[in-house]
Amino acid sequence: MSKKIQRGAAWLAIAATALVLGACSKPGTAPATNGVTVYSGGDILTMAGAEPAYAEALAVRDGKILAVGTRAEVAKAAGAGAAQVDLAGRTLLPGFIDGHSHLLNYADSLVQANLNPPPIGGVTKIADIIEALRKLKSDMKAGPGDPLIGQGYDQDMLAERRHPTAADLDAAFPDNPVILVHASGHMLVANSLAFKAVKIDASTPDPEGGTILRKPGGREPLGLVQEMGMYPFQPILKGARKPEVDLDLVKRAVAHYAANGYTTASEALVLGEKMPVIEAAADAGAFSIDVIALPAFTMAAELVGTGKIKWGEYRKGLKYAGLKIAVDGSPQGKTAYLTRPFLTPVPGCKTDCRGFPNLTQDQVNQLVLLTYKNGVQMFSHCNGDAAIDMMIAGHENAEKVLATPGKDRRTVIIHSQIMRPDQLDAYAKQGLLPSFFSNHVYYWGDVHYANLGPERAEFISPLASAFKRGIRATNHTDATVTPTDPMFLLWTSVNRVTREGRVLGEAERVTPYQGLQALTVNGAYEYFEEASKGTLEVGKRADFVVLDKNPIKVAPMTLKDIRVLETIKDGKRVYARS
């Protein structure tokens, strides 16, 4: 397993340079003389239906699907002079639609130290973090005062079983501000110079919805900052890069998503500092695939109902799909907001440690009402069941105020991890959509088993229970929290195996076809794009991925080994495996 993920990073770096733009026909195939390309000779999985359905052939014209069906039917529709693409036994299906991740974070990570534990990285102790930062400093040729940023450390996977401290970092980097972003993205560790740069000291109170952990017996910051306490550090995390450097990083990130078979990617928390970056990338034509962007709730008053941006419309490959709020934190970071306490010690908490909300119920109510009144889709980060309760209450309040029960709003409750069956019932009744995160089962399932106990841990990301209730759930990687690889995501949803080999929540395993639905047709539904994406049907956009094997026909434990060979967006190849 680990070999597959480790080598994945290497070939994706190579693949990013192999981005190919042009006609879909295979090398050596004569181009179409009538503008039509026909695919046949492999499994064409349409994803159009409750059970797997295949077509013998598919034709594309002007970036749209012209025909799907038997060879004879498609040949008749294609006419004379169509280019012929032989799939040679490979599998073609709709391009993957990213339910939730952070494309701009991935772009940033390309110039940050990789502090992930195996199998994603190589960090197993705090000394490894220091060494990775030293290498970054050398590679950057960083001088005194230049910030050093690393991402992906996980205290549960370190030999010390604790978060690094400011003192750990000060000793190695006395002249540089240093920030370590946790694997969850919901906390960070800063050194003394970084705290000084953002004017946080012993006199700084904890922000609402966040914490600054203190040295024992005093008020001096220890190093760890959680949730809303991270916001003052955003200018440092953004960096002072030149626009052309940011543009190059975004292009590399887009190539990475295309290499993983995504034809629609997501940047699910656009902070104010990043709006100019994503806008400039669109203006420069950097988006060879579609990019869904969710502005942060901190800009709600500026963006919702003001006409400053157009919601739900693509402009040069970029669409602002809705507003993103963050109600709580992460389960592995123990900042997810729960109705029952964590079972293991929580940093900075002594009794009744149930995490905490980032927002008050009144704030949630106001934000939900604001978006609903203005016809803007709401995307809400909720990991813990207490946070989910807050979001359900916010939805019910808005519907009551507006007197519009049953309106098709498609409010998305992102992660929905530590939830209860009655909350799934509420989702089904009220049309709320979960976007699950089944990779957590592998990466942190064993940690959750200890932190939460078997009952709650086994119900994490209950994809099977959602499908049984008729809920059109999606699944996501939350990259950079876990790698962008959709085949590994499919593997976790089907097998639910942890790092230690435990099957966590056998009842929540789904079939490979259901797992693919969460990555294709349900993804299109999440973004109100089911009329144009998600299935292979006439008139829809020609967004495809070509795999070396059919996920429906392989042994479930080998799903993670399936390779993306080509990605086709609007009829044009945007990635081809070399």
Protein backbone atom coordinates (compact mmCIF):
# COMPACT_ATOMS: atom_id res chain seq x y z
CA MET A 1 0.00 0.00 0.00
CA SER A 2 2.65 2.50 1.04
CA LYS A 3 4.75 1.79 -2.06
CA LYS A 4 1.82 2.71 -4.25
CA ILE A 5 1.26 6.03 -2.52
CA GLN A 6 4.96 6.89 -2.40
CA ARG A 7 5.53 6.21 -6.05
CA GLY A 8 2.34 8.14 -6.79
CA ALA A 9 4.02 11.35 -5.69
CA ALA A 10 6.92 10.71 -8.05
CA TRP A 11 4.89 9.98 -11.17
CA LEU A 12 2.55 12.88 -10.51
CA ALA A 13 5.50 15.24 -10.48
CA ILE A 14 6.52 13.86 -13.87
CA ALA A 15 2.92 13.87 -15.08
CA ALA A 16 2.54 17.56 -14.36
CA THR A 17 5.02 18.22 -17.16
CA ALA A 18 3.11 15.98 -19.56
CA LEU A 19 0.00 18.12 -19.83
CA VAL A 20 -1.27 17.81 -23.36
CA LEU A 21 -3.84 20.10 -24.92
CA GLY A 22 -5.39 19.16 -28.23
CA ALA A 23 -7.65 16.76 -30.07
CA CYS A 24 -8.72 13.52 -28.44
CA SER A 25 -7.55 11.14 -31.12
CA LYS A 26 -4.76 8.76 -30.18
CA PRO A 27 -1.28 9.31 -31.61
CA GLY A 28 -1.18 7.95 -35.13
CA THR A 29 -4.92 8.20 -35.64
CA ALA A 30 -6.03 10.41 -38.49
CA PRO A 31 -7.83 13.51 -37.24
CA ALA A 32 -11.54 13.81 -37.84
CA THR A 33 -12.56 15.41 -41.10
CA ASN A 34 -16.07 16.08 -39.83
CA GLY A 35 -15.19 17.25 -36.31
CA VAL A 36 -16.40 14.06 -34.61
CA THR A 37 -14.39 11.64 -32.47
CA VAL A 38 -15.65 8.14 -31.69
CA TYR A 39 -14.46 6.04 -28.72
CA SER A 40 -14.90 2.26 -28.64
CA GLY A 41 -13.01 -0.94 -27.88
CA GLY A 42 -13.21 -0.84 -24.10
CA ASP A 43 -15.61 -0.59 -21.19
CA ILE A 44 -17.57 2.66 -21.48
CA LEU A 45 -19.22 3.00 -18.07
CA THR A 46 -21.97 5.62 -18.40
CA MET A 47 -22.82 6.05 -14.66
CA ALA A 48 -26.38 6.78 -15.86
CA GLY A 49 -28.51 4.69 -13.56
CA ALA A 50 -28.71 2.92 -10.22
CA GLU A 51 -26.74 -0.06 -11.56
CA PRO A 52 -23.68 -0.22 -13.84
CA ALA A 53 -24.55 0.35 -17.50
CA TYR A 54 -22.21 0.19 -20.48
CA ALA A 55 -22.17 1.52 -24.02
CA GLU A 56 -20.26 0.00 -26.95
CA ALA A 57 -19.27 3.38 -28.34
CA LEU A 58 -19.44 7.11 -27.69
CA ALA A 59 -19.10 10.07 -30.07
CA VAL A 60 -17.98 13.63 -29.29
CA ARG A 61 -18.48 16.82 -31.29
CA ASP A 62 -17.67 20.40 -30.26
CA GLY A 63 -16.89 19.38 -26.69
CA LYS A 64 -20.24 17.66 -26.14
CA ILE A 65 -21.39 14.06 -26.24
CA LEU A 66 -23.04 13.50 -29.61
CA ALA A 67 -24.08 9.88 -29.24
CA VAL A 68 -23.83 6.96 -26.80
CA GLY A 69 -24.90 3.41 -27.56
CA THR A 70 -24.11 0.50 -29.82
CA ARG A 71 -21.35 0.75 -32.40
CA ALA A 72 -23.92 0.91 -35.16
CA GLU A 73 -25.95 3.65 -33.49
CA VAL A 74 -22.90 5.78 -32.78
CA ALA A 75 -21.42 5.23 -36.25
CA LYS A 76 -24.66 6.45 -37.81
CA ALA A 77 -24.73 9.55 -35.63
CA ALA A 78 -21.02 10.27 -36.17
CA GLY A 79 -21.19 10.07 -39.98
CA ALA A 80 -18.31 9.66 -42.40
CA GLY A 81 -14.92 11.09 -41.52
CA ALA A 82 -15.04 10.67 -37.73
CA ALA A 83 -11.79 10.03 -35.89
CA GLN A 84 -11.69 6.59 -34.28
CA VAL A 85 -10.15 6.08 -30.83
CA ASP A 86 -9.55 2.48 -29.82
CA LEU A 87 -9.66 2.21 -26.03
CA ALA A 88 -7.78 -1.08 -26.33
CA GLY A 89 -9.56 -2.65 -23.37
CA ARG A 90 -9.25 0.37 -21.13
CA THR A 91 -12.21 1.87 -19.24
CA LEU A 92 -13.78 5.24 -20.01
CA LEU A 93 -16.14 6.91 -17.56
CA PRO A 94 -17.18 10.45 -16.60
CA GLY A 95 -14.41 12.70 -15.31
CA PHE A 96 -14.11 12.82 -11.53
CA ILE A 97 -15.79 15.73 -9.76
CA ASP A 98 -14.05 16.93 -6.63
CA GLY A 99 -16.54 17.08 -3.77
CA HIS A 100 -14.22 19.06 -1.53
CA SER A 101 -10.52 19.89 -1.51
CA HIS A 102 -8.14 22.84 -1.58
CA LEU A 103 -6.44 23.37 -4.92
CA LEU A 104 -4.73 26.58 -3.80
CA ASN A 105 -3.41 24.86 -0.68
CA TYR A 106 -1.91 22.21 -2.92
CA ALA A 107 -0.29 24.98 -4.97
CA ASP A 108 1.17 26.47 -1.78
CA SER A 109 2.42 23.06 -0.63
CA LEU A 110 4.72 22.90 -3.66
CA VAL A 111 6.97 25.49 -1.99
CA GLN A 112 6.52 24.27 1.59
CA ALA A 113 8.19 21.52 3.59
CA ASN A 114 6.33 18.20 3.44
CA LEU A 115 5.88 17.19 7.09
CA ASN A 116 3.47 14.31 6.52
CA PRO A 117 4.08 10.93 8.13
CA PRO A 118 4.38 7.76 6.02
CA PRO A 119 3.00 6.78 3.60
CA ILE A 120 2.55 10.35 2.30
CA GLY A 121 5.83 11.71 3.65
CA GLY A 122 8.71 10.58 5.83
CA VAL A 123 8.31 12.47 9.11
CA THR A 124 8.19 10.25 12.18
CA LYS A 125 9.69 12.49 14.89
CA ILE A 126 10.22 16.16 15.67
CA ALA A 127 13.85 15.95 14.54
CA ASP A 128 12.54 15.03 11.06
CA ILE A 129 10.47 18.22 11.05
CA ILE A 130 13.54 20.29 11.87
CA GLU A 131 15.54 18.56 9.13
CA ALA A 132 12.79 19.11 6.54
CA LEU A 133 12.69 22.81 7.42
CA ARG A 134 16.47 23.09 7.19
CA LYS A 135 16.33 21.61 3.70
CA LEU A 136 13.57 24.04 2.75
CA LYS A 137 15.64 26.94 4.06
CA SER A 138 18.59 25.78 2.00
CA ASP A 139 16.53 25.21 -1.14
CA MET A 140 14.90 28.65 -0.78
CA LYS A 141 18.21 30.30 0.04
CA ALA A 142 16.23 31.93 2.84
CA GLY A 143 17.88 34.71 4.78
CA PRO A 144 17.15 36.11 8.24
CA GLY A 145 13.51 37.13 8.55
CA ASP A 146 12.29 34.95 5.69
CA PRO A 147 9.39 32.72 6.84
CA LEU A 148 9.68 28.93 6.70
CA ILE A 149 6.44 27.01 6.32
CA GLY A 150 5.77 23.29 6.57
CA GLN A 151 2.50 21.40 6.28
CA GLY A 152 1.14 17.99 7.20
CA TYR A 153 2.63 17.16 10.61
CA ASP A 154 0.52 14.85 12.76
CA GLN A 155 1.25 14.61 16.48
CA ASP A 156 -0.34 11.15 16.70
CA MET A 157 2.22 9.82 14.21
CA LEU A 158 5.28 11.38 15.86
CA ALA A 159 7.49 9.31 18.18
CA GLU A 160 7.05 12.00 20.85
CA ARG A 161 3.22 11.77 20.60
CA ARG A 162 2.92 15.53 21.07
CA HIS A 163 2.73 18.73 19.07
CA PRO A 164 6.02 20.55 18.45
CA THR A 165 6.48 23.73 20.48
CA ALA A 166 7.79 27.22 19.81
CA ALA A 167 10.86 26.26 21.84
CA ASP A 168 11.56 23.28 19.55
CA LEU A 169 11.56 25.60 16.55
CA ASP A 170 13.33 28.57 18.19
CA ALA A 171 16.38 26.47 18.97
CA ALA A 172 16.83 25.50 15.32
CA PHE A 173 15.62 28.71 13.64
CA PRO A 174 16.31 31.73 15.82
CA ASP A 175 16.29 34.14 12.86
CA ASN A 176 13.24 32.94 10.86
CA PRO A 177 9.51 32.98 11.52
CA VAL A 178 8.38 29.32 11.33
CA ILE A 179 4.85 27.98 10.93
CA LEU A 180 3.90 24.29 10.88
CA VAL A 181 0.39 23.60 9.58
CA HIS A 182 -1.23 20.51 11.08
CA ALA A 183 -2.35 17.66 8.82
CA SER A 184 -5.98 18.59 9.49
CA GLY A 185 -5.47 22.21 8.44
CA HIS A 186 -7.26 23.28 11.62
CA MET A 187 -4.30 24.21 13.76
CA LEU A 188 -0.70 25.30 13.49
CA VAL A 189 2.45 25.62 15.52
CA ALA A 190 4.42 28.86 15.39
CA ASN A 191 7.79 29.86 16.76
CA SER A 192 8.50 33.02 18.75
CA LEU A 193 9.35 35.16 15.72
CA ALA A 194 6.11 34.16 14.01
CA PHE A 195 4.11 35.05 17.13
CA LYS A 196 5.93 38.38 17.29
CA ALA A 197 5.20 39.07 13.62
CA VAL A 198 1.44 38.73 14.18
CA LYS A 199 1.54 40.52 17.55
CA ILE A 200 0.39 37.58 19.69
CA ASP A 201 1.87 37.41 23.19
CA ALA A 202 0.92 36.65 26.79
CA SER A 203 -1.55 39.55 26.84
CA THR A 204 -3.47 38.31 23.76
CA PRO A 205 -6.81 36.74 24.67
CA ASP A 206 -8.07 33.61 22.96
CA PRO A 207 -10.15 34.59 19.93
CA GLU A 208 -13.80 33.62 19.72
CA GLY A 209 -13.90 30.14 18.20
CA GLY A 210 -10.19 29.50 18.69
CA THR A 211 -7.47 28.86 21.26
CA ILE A 212 -3.86 29.80 21.88
CA LEU A 213 -2.28 27.14 24.04
CA ARG A 214 -0.11 28.52 26.85
CA LYS A 215 3.05 27.41 28.61
CA PRO A 216 2.30 25.56 31.86
CA GLY A 217 1.80 27.94 34.75
CA GLY A 218 1.67 31.08 32.63
CA ARG A 219 0.22 32.92 29.66
CA GLU A 220 3.10 32.83 27.19
CA PRO A 221 2.11 31.03 23.95
CA LEU A 222 3.35 27.45 23.92
CA GLY A 223 3.32 27.18 20.13
CA LEU A 224 0.01 25.50 19.21
CA VAL A 225 -2.82 27.68 17.88
CA GLN A 226 -6.22 26.22 16.98
CA GLU A 227 -9.07 27.14 14.65
CA MET A 228 -9.93 30.88 14.53
CA GLY A 229 -6.65 31.61 16.27
CA MET A 230 -4.95 30.78 12.96
CA TYR A 231 -6.35 33.76 11.05
CA PRO A 232 -3.71 36.32 12.11
CA PHE A 233 -1.07 34.06 10.53
CA GLN A 234 -2.71 34.06 7.08
CA PRO A 235 -0.55 36.87 5.63
CA ILE A 236 2.58 34.88 6.52
CA LEU A 237 1.10 31.66 5.14
CA LYS A 238 0.18 33.40 1.91
CA GLY A 239 3.74 34.61 1.52
CA ALA A 240 5.06 37.48 -0.51
CA ARG A 241 5.43 35.70 -3.82
CA LYS A 242 5.43 37.48 -7.14
CA PRO A 243 2.21 37.07 -9.17
CA GLU A 244 4.00 35.06 -11.85
CA VAL A 245 5.19 32.58 -9.20
CA ASP A 246 1.65 32.17 -7.85
CA LEU A 247 0.37 31.64 -11.39
CA ASP A 248 2.96 28.95 -12.06
CA LEU A 249 2.06 27.16 -8.82
CA VAL A 250 -1.66 27.24 -9.68
CA LYS A 251 -0.95 25.82 -13.15
CA ARG A 252 1.06 23.01 -11.58
CA ALA A 253 -1.78 22.33 -9.15
CA VAL A 254 -4.31 22.17 -11.99
CA ALA A 255 -2.04 19.74 -13.86
CA HIS A 256 -1.87 17.59 -10.73
CA TYR A 257 -5.66 17.38 -10.46
CA ALA A 258 -5.95 16.59 -14.18
CA ALA A 259 -3.36 13.82 -13.77
CA ASN A 260 -5.65 12.30 -11.13
CA GLY A 261 -8.63 12.23 -13.49
CA TYR A 262 -10.45 15.28 -12.16
CA THR A 263 -12.28 17.39 -14.72
CA THR A 264 -13.78 19.55 -11.96
CA ALA A 265 -11.58 20.56 -9.02
CA SER A 266 -12.37 22.48 -5.85
CA GLU A 267 -10.88 25.28 -3.80
CA ALA A 268 -13.20 25.02 -0.85
CA LEU A 269 -12.07 27.95 1.28
CA VAL A 270 -10.98 31.05 -0.61
CA LEU A 271 -9.76 33.57 1.95
CA GLY A 272 -9.56 37.25 1.14
CA GLU A 273 -5.81 37.03 0.57
CA LYS A 274 -6.35 34.36 -2.08
CA MET A 275 -9.16 35.96 -4.09
CA PRO A 276 -6.71 37.96 -6.27
CA VAL A 277 -4.68 34.78 -6.90
CA ILE A 278 -7.60 32.68 -8.13
CA GLU A 279 -9.03 35.57 -10.17
CA ALA A 280 -5.66 36.22 -11.82
CA ALA A 281 -5.33 32.52 -12.62
CA ALA A 282 -8.72 32.54 -14.37
CA ASP A 283 -7.81 35.68 -16.31
CA ALA A 284 -4.55 34.05 -17.43
CA GLY A 285 -6.37 30.95 -18.73
CA ALA A 286 -4.80 28.67 -16.12
CA PHE A 287 -7.87 26.48 -15.69
CA SER A 288 -7.78 23.70 -18.27
CA ILE A 289 -10.32 21.94 -16.03
CA ASP A 290 -13.23 23.53 -14.18
CA VAL A 291 -12.51 24.95 -10.73
CA ILE A 292 -15.22 25.36 -8.10
CA ALA A 293 -14.40 28.08 -5.56
CA LEU A 294 -16.06 28.72 -2.20
CA PRO A 295 -15.32 32.16 -0.69
CA ALA A 296 -14.91 32.14 3.08
CA PHE A 297 -17.68 33.30 5.39
CA THR A 298 -15.38 36.06 6.64
CA MET A 299 -16.23 37.86 3.37
CA ALA A 300 -19.99 37.21 3.53
CA ALA A 301 -21.00 40.85 4.03
CA GLU A 302 -18.74 41.90 1.17
CA LEU A 303 -19.83 39.25 -1.34
CA VAL A 304 -23.34 37.98 -0.62
CA GLY A 305 -26.11 40.13 -2.03
CA THR A 306 -23.74 42.88 -3.16
CA GLY A 307 -23.29 41.94 -6.82
CA LYS A 308 -19.51 41.97 -6.43
CA ILE A 309 -19.23 38.45 -7.82
CA LYS A 310 -21.56 36.27 -9.87
CA TRP A 311 -22.56 33.12 -8.05
CA GLY A 312 -23.12 29.84 -9.87
CA GLU A 313 -21.68 30.92 -13.24
CA TYR A 314 -18.43 29.87 -14.89
CA ARG A 315 -15.97 32.52 -16.03
CA LYS A 316 -12.89 31.16 -17.78
CA GLY A 317 -13.19 27.86 -15.95
CA LEU A 318 -13.84 29.39 -12.50
CA LYS A 319 -17.19 29.23 -10.68
CA TYR A 320 -18.07 30.65 -7.28
CA ALA A 321 -20.50 27.93 -6.27
CA GLY A 322 -21.41 29.14 -2.79
CA LEU A 323 -20.30 30.47 0.57
CA LYS A 324 -18.18 28.33 2.91
CA ILE A 325 -18.57 28.43 6.68
CA ALA A 326 -16.58 26.43 9.24
CA VAL A 327 -18.65 25.47 12.27
CA ASP A 328 -16.02 23.36 14.03
CA GLY A 329 -12.61 21.76 13.65
CA SER A 330 -11.09 18.33 13.14
CA PRO A 331 -11.63 14.99 14.90
CA GLN A 332 -7.96 13.97 14.82
CA GLY A 333 -7.02 17.41 16.15
CA LYS A 334 -9.74 17.03 18.80
CA THR A 335 -11.35 20.36 17.90
CA ALA A 336 -14.44 18.80 16.29
CA TYR A 337 -17.51 19.83 18.31
CA LEU A 338 -19.15 16.76 19.90
CA THR A 339 -22.17 16.03 22.08
CA ARG A 340 -20.12 13.44 24.00
CA PRO A 341 -16.51 13.94 25.13
CA PHE A 342 -13.35 12.58 23.59
CA LEU A 343 -12.11 9.51 25.46
CA THR A 344 -8.42 10.48 25.45
CA PRO A 345 -6.63 13.62 26.78
CA VAL A 346 -7.18 16.83 24.82
CA PRO A 347 -4.49 19.57 24.73
CA GLY A 348 -5.64 22.66 26.61
CA CYS A 349 -8.72 20.97 28.10
CA LYS A 350 -9.17 19.28 31.48
CA THR A 351 -12.82 18.21 31.77
CA ASP A 352 -15.80 17.57 29.47
CA CYS A 353 -13.55 17.84 26.42
CA ARG A 354 -16.00 17.91 23.51
CA GLY A 355 -14.16 20.26 21.19
CA PHE A 356 -15.75 23.62 20.47
CA PRO A 357 -17.61 25.53 17.77
CA ASN A 358 -15.91 28.20 15.68
CA LEU A 359 -19.18 30.11 15.42
CA THR A 360 -22.13 30.74 17.73
CA GLN A 361 -25.57 29.43 16.86
CA ASP A 362 -26.67 33.00 16.17
CA GLN A 363 -23.80 33.49 13.72
CA VAL A 364 -24.66 30.24 11.95
CA ASN A 365 -28.31 31.30 11.74
CA GLN A 366 -27.42 34.69 10.30
CA LEU A 367 -25.03 33.28 7.69
CA VAL A 368 -27.45 30.58 6.54
CA LEU A 369 -30.30 33.08 6.34
CA LEU A 370 -28.13 35.54 4.38
CA THR A 371 -27.23 32.95 1.75
CA TYR A 372 -30.75 31.54 1.47
CA LYS A 373 -32.28 35.01 1.05
CA ASN A 374 -29.85 35.77 -1.78
CA GLY A 375 -30.07 32.41 -3.57
CA VAL A 376 -26.47 31.49 -2.74
CA GLN A 377 -25.62 27.86 -2.02
CA MET A 378 -24.30 27.12 1.47
CA PHE A 379 -21.33 24.82 2.15
CA SER A 380 -20.73 24.16 5.84
CA HIS A 381 -17.77 22.38 7.45
CA CYS A 382 -19.09 20.20 10.29
CA ASN A 383 -17.08 17.27 11.64
CA GLY A 384 -18.73 16.67 15.00
CA ASP A 385 -22.36 15.84 15.73
CA ALA A 386 -22.82 18.95 17.90
CA ALA A 387 -21.67 21.10 14.96
CA ILE A 388 -24.06 19.21 12.68
CA ASP A 389 -26.88 19.93 15.14
CA MET A 390 -26.02 23.63 14.85
CA MET A 391 -26.12 23.49 11.07
CA ILE A 392 -29.43 21.63 10.97
CA ALA A 393 -30.85 24.22 13.36
CA GLY A 394 -29.53 27.03 11.16
CA HIS A 395 -31.17 25.50 8.11
CA GLU A 396 -34.50 24.99 9.91
CA ASN A 397 -34.44 28.55 11.21
CA ALA A 398 -33.84 30.02 7.74
CA GLU A 399 -36.57 27.93 6.16
CA LYS A 400 -38.98 29.03 8.90
CA VAL A 401 -38.11 32.72 8.49
CA LEU A 402 -38.38 32.57 4.71
CA ALA A 403 -41.35 30.18 4.72
CA THR A 404 -39.79 28.09 1.94
CA PRO A 405 -39.66 24.53 3.29
CA GLY A 406 -38.64 21.97 0.69
CA LYS A 407 -36.87 24.43 -1.60
CA ASP A 408 -34.05 22.76 -3.55
CA ARG A 409 -31.09 24.50 -1.90
CA ARG A 410 -28.64 21.57 -1.81
CA THR A 411 -26.92 22.82 1.32
CA VAL A 412 -23.74 20.76 1.66
CA ILE A 413 -22.52 19.68 5.09
CA ILE A 414 -18.88 18.91 4.46
CA HIS A 415 -17.24 15.94 6.21
CA SER A 416 -20.31 14.98 8.34
CA GLN A 417 -17.98 12.53 10.04
CA ILE A 418 -18.87 11.98 13.67
CA MET A 419 -22.61 12.03 13.13
CA ARG A 420 -25.63 10.14 14.41
CA PRO A 421 -28.24 8.12 12.49
CA ASP A 422 -30.99 10.59 13.44
CA GLN A 423 -28.96 13.33 11.74
CA LEU A 424 -28.87 11.32 8.53
CA ASP A 425 -32.65 11.06 8.80
CA ALA A 426 -32.80 14.85 9.05
CA TYR A 427 -30.56 15.17 5.97
CA ALA A 428 -32.90 12.93 3.97
CA LYS A 429 -36.01 14.78 5.12
CA GLN A 430 -34.65 18.28 4.57
CA GLY A 431 -32.58 17.78 1.43
CA LEU A 432 -29.20 18.36 3.08
CA LEU A 433 -26.22 16.83 1.30
CA PRO A 434 -23.23 15.27 3.06
CA SER A 435 -19.82 15.25 1.45
CA PHE A 436 -18.01 12.47 3.28
CA PHE A 437 -14.30 11.91 3.85
CA SER A 438 -13.75 8.14 3.85
CA ASN A 439 -9.96 8.53 3.64
CA HIS A 440 -10.14 9.32 7.37
CA VAL A 441 -10.89 5.65 7.98
CA TYR A 442 -7.46 4.68 6.68
CA TYR A 443 -5.34 7.61 7.85
CA TRP A 444 -6.89 8.20 11.30
CA GLY A 445 -9.31 5.31 11.86
CA ASP A 446 -7.16 3.74 14.57
CA VAL A 447 -6.80 7.13 16.28
CA HIS A 448 -10.56 7.65 16.13
CA TYR A 449 -11.14 4.20 17.60
CA ALA A 450 -9.15 5.26 20.67
CA ASN A 451 -10.43 8.84 20.82
CA LEU A 452 -14.11 8.10 20.25
CA GLY A 453 -14.72 4.44 21.02
CA PRO A 454 -15.98 1.80 18.57
CA GLU A 455 -19.60 2.99 18.24
CA ARG A 456 -18.77 6.47 17.00
CA ALA A 457 -15.63 5.47 15.11
CA GLU A 458 -17.37 2.77 13.07
CA PHE A 459 -20.07 5.23 11.94
CA ILE A 460 -17.57 7.79 10.61
CA SER A 461 -18.42 8.87 7.05
CA PRO A 462 -21.53 6.63 6.86
CA LEU A 463 -21.74 6.49 3.08
CA ALA A 464 -23.70 3.22 2.93
CA SER A 465 -26.31 4.45 5.41
CA ALA A 466 -26.69 7.66 3.42
CA PHE A 467 -27.28 5.75 0.18
CA LYS A 468 -29.86 3.54 1.90
CA ARG A 469 -31.79 6.69 2.80
CA GLY A 470 -31.70 7.94 -0.78
CA ILE A 471 -29.22 10.71 0.02
CA ARG A 472 -27.01 11.75 -2.92
CA ALA A 473 -23.77 11.87 -0.96
CA THR A 474 -20.34 12.69 -2.34
CA ASN A 475 -16.90 11.68 -1.13
CA HIS A 476 -13.73 13.73 -1.07
CA THR A 477 -10.00 13.78 -0.28
CA ASP A 478 -9.85 17.22 1.38
CA ALA A 479 -6.44 17.57 -0.28
CA THR A 480 -3.97 18.58 0.98
CA VAL A 481 -5.18 16.81 4.13
CA THR A 482 -4.94 13.52 2.22
CA PRO A 483 -3.58 12.92 -1.31
CA THR A 484 -5.70 13.84 -4.33
CA ASP A 485 -5.79 10.24 -5.62
CA PRO A 486 -9.45 9.32 -6.39
CA MET A 487 -8.68 5.61 -6.70
CA PHE A 488 -7.39 5.52 -3.14
CA LEU A 489 -10.52 7.40 -2.06
CA LEU A 490 -12.63 4.78 -3.84
CA TRP A 491 -10.59 2.06 -2.11
CA THR A 492 -11.25 3.52 1.35
CA SER A 493 -15.00 3.81 0.74
CA VAL A 494 -15.27 0.21 -0.47
CA ASN A 495 -12.91 -1.45 2.05
CA ARG A 496 -12.80 0.85 5.13
CA VAL A 497 -9.45 -0.54 6.26
CA THR A 498 -7.26 1.39 8.71
CA ARG A 499 -3.47 1.77 8.75
CA GLU A 500 -3.29 -1.12 11.23
CA GLY A 501 -5.50 -3.34 9.06
CA ARG A 502 -8.71 -3.04 11.09
CA VAL A 503 -12.01 -2.97 9.18
CA LEU A 504 -13.68 0.09 10.69
CA GLY A 505 -17.43 0.13 10.12
CA GLU A 506 -18.05 -2.88 7.91
CA ALA A 507 -21.74 -1.89 7.58
CA GLU A 508 -20.67 1.39 5.94
CA ARG A 509 -18.75 -0.28 3.10
CA VAL A 510 -20.19 0.55 -0.32
CA THR A 511 -19.96 -1.20 -3.66
CA PRO A 512 -17.39 0.08 -6.18
CA TYR A 513 -20.24 1.45 -8.30
CA GLN A 514 -21.67 3.38 -5.36
CA GLY A 515 -18.19 4.68 -4.61
CA LEU A 516 -17.90 5.90 -8.20
CA GLN A 517 -21.33 7.55 -7.98
CA ALA A 518 -19.99 9.63 -5.10
CA LEU A 519 -17.14 10.81 -7.37
CA THR A 520 -19.12 11.49 -10.54
CA VAL A 521 -22.89 11.82 -10.84
CA ASN A 522 -23.43 12.84 -7.22
CA GLY A 523 -20.61 15.35 -7.50
CA ALA A 524 -22.36 16.99 -10.41
CA TYR A 525 -25.59 17.08 -8.38
CA GLU A 526 -23.79 18.72 -5.44
CA TYR A 527 -22.87 21.70 -7.65
CA PHE A 528 -26.21 21.90 -9.53
CA GLU A 529 -24.43 20.60 -12.66
CA GLU A 530 -26.23 17.29 -13.22
CA ALA A 531 -27.64 18.55 -16.54
CA SER A 532 -24.13 18.92 -17.99
CA LYS A 533 -21.80 16.58 -16.07
CA GLY A 534 -21.53 13.36 -14.11
CA THR A 535 -22.84 10.80 -16.62
CA LEU A 536 -22.14 9.87 -20.23
CA GLU A 537 -25.34 11.01 -21.92
CA VAL A 538 -26.11 12.87 -25.12
CA GLY A 539 -25.72 16.62 -24.82
CA LYS A 540 -23.51 16.57 -21.74
CA ARG A 541 -19.99 17.94 -21.69
CA ALA A 542 -17.33 15.55 -22.96
CA ASP A 543 -15.54 15.26 -19.61
CA PHE A 544 -13.93 11.81 -19.34
CA VAL A 545 -11.29 9.84 -17.52
CA VAL A 546 -9.64 6.73 -19.00
CA LEU A 547 -8.46 4.08 -16.51
CA ASP A 548 -6.25 1.08 -17.12
CA LYS A 549 -8.79 -1.20 -15.39
CA ASN A 550 -12.50 -1.18 -14.67
CA PRO A 551 -13.15 -0.50 -10.95
CA ILE A 552 -16.33 -2.58 -11.12
CA LYS A 553 -14.45 -5.67 -12.27
CA VAL A 554 -11.35 -5.84 -10.06
CA ALA A 555 -10.87 -7.25 -6.57
CA PRO A 556 -11.85 -4.52 -4.05
CA MET A 557 -8.44 -4.48 -2.35
CA THR A 558 -6.75 -3.68 -5.69
CA LEU A 559 -8.81 -0.58 -6.44
CA LYS A 560 -6.02 1.67 -5.18
CA ASP A 561 -3.70 0.27 -7.86
CA ILE A 562 -5.82 1.43 -10.81
CA ARG A 563 -4.07 4.12 -12.86
CA VAL A 564 -5.44 7.18 -14.61
CA LEU A 565 -4.20 7.05 -18.22
CA GLU A 566 -5.96 10.04 -19.76
CA THR A 567 -8.15 12.93 -18.72
CA ILE A 568 -10.35 14.63 -21.33
CA LYS A 569 -12.07 17.96 -20.68
CA ASP A 570 -14.71 19.28 -23.09
CA GLY A 571 -13.42 16.86 -25.70
CA LYS A 572 -9.75 17.85 -25.37
CA ARG A 573 -7.04 15.82 -23.75
CA VAL A 574 -5.64 17.69 -20.74
CA TYR A 575 -3.56 14.81 -19.39
CA ALA A 576 -1.98 11.72 -20.89
CA ARG A 577 0.17 9.34 -18.88
CA SER A 578 3.60 9.08 -20.44
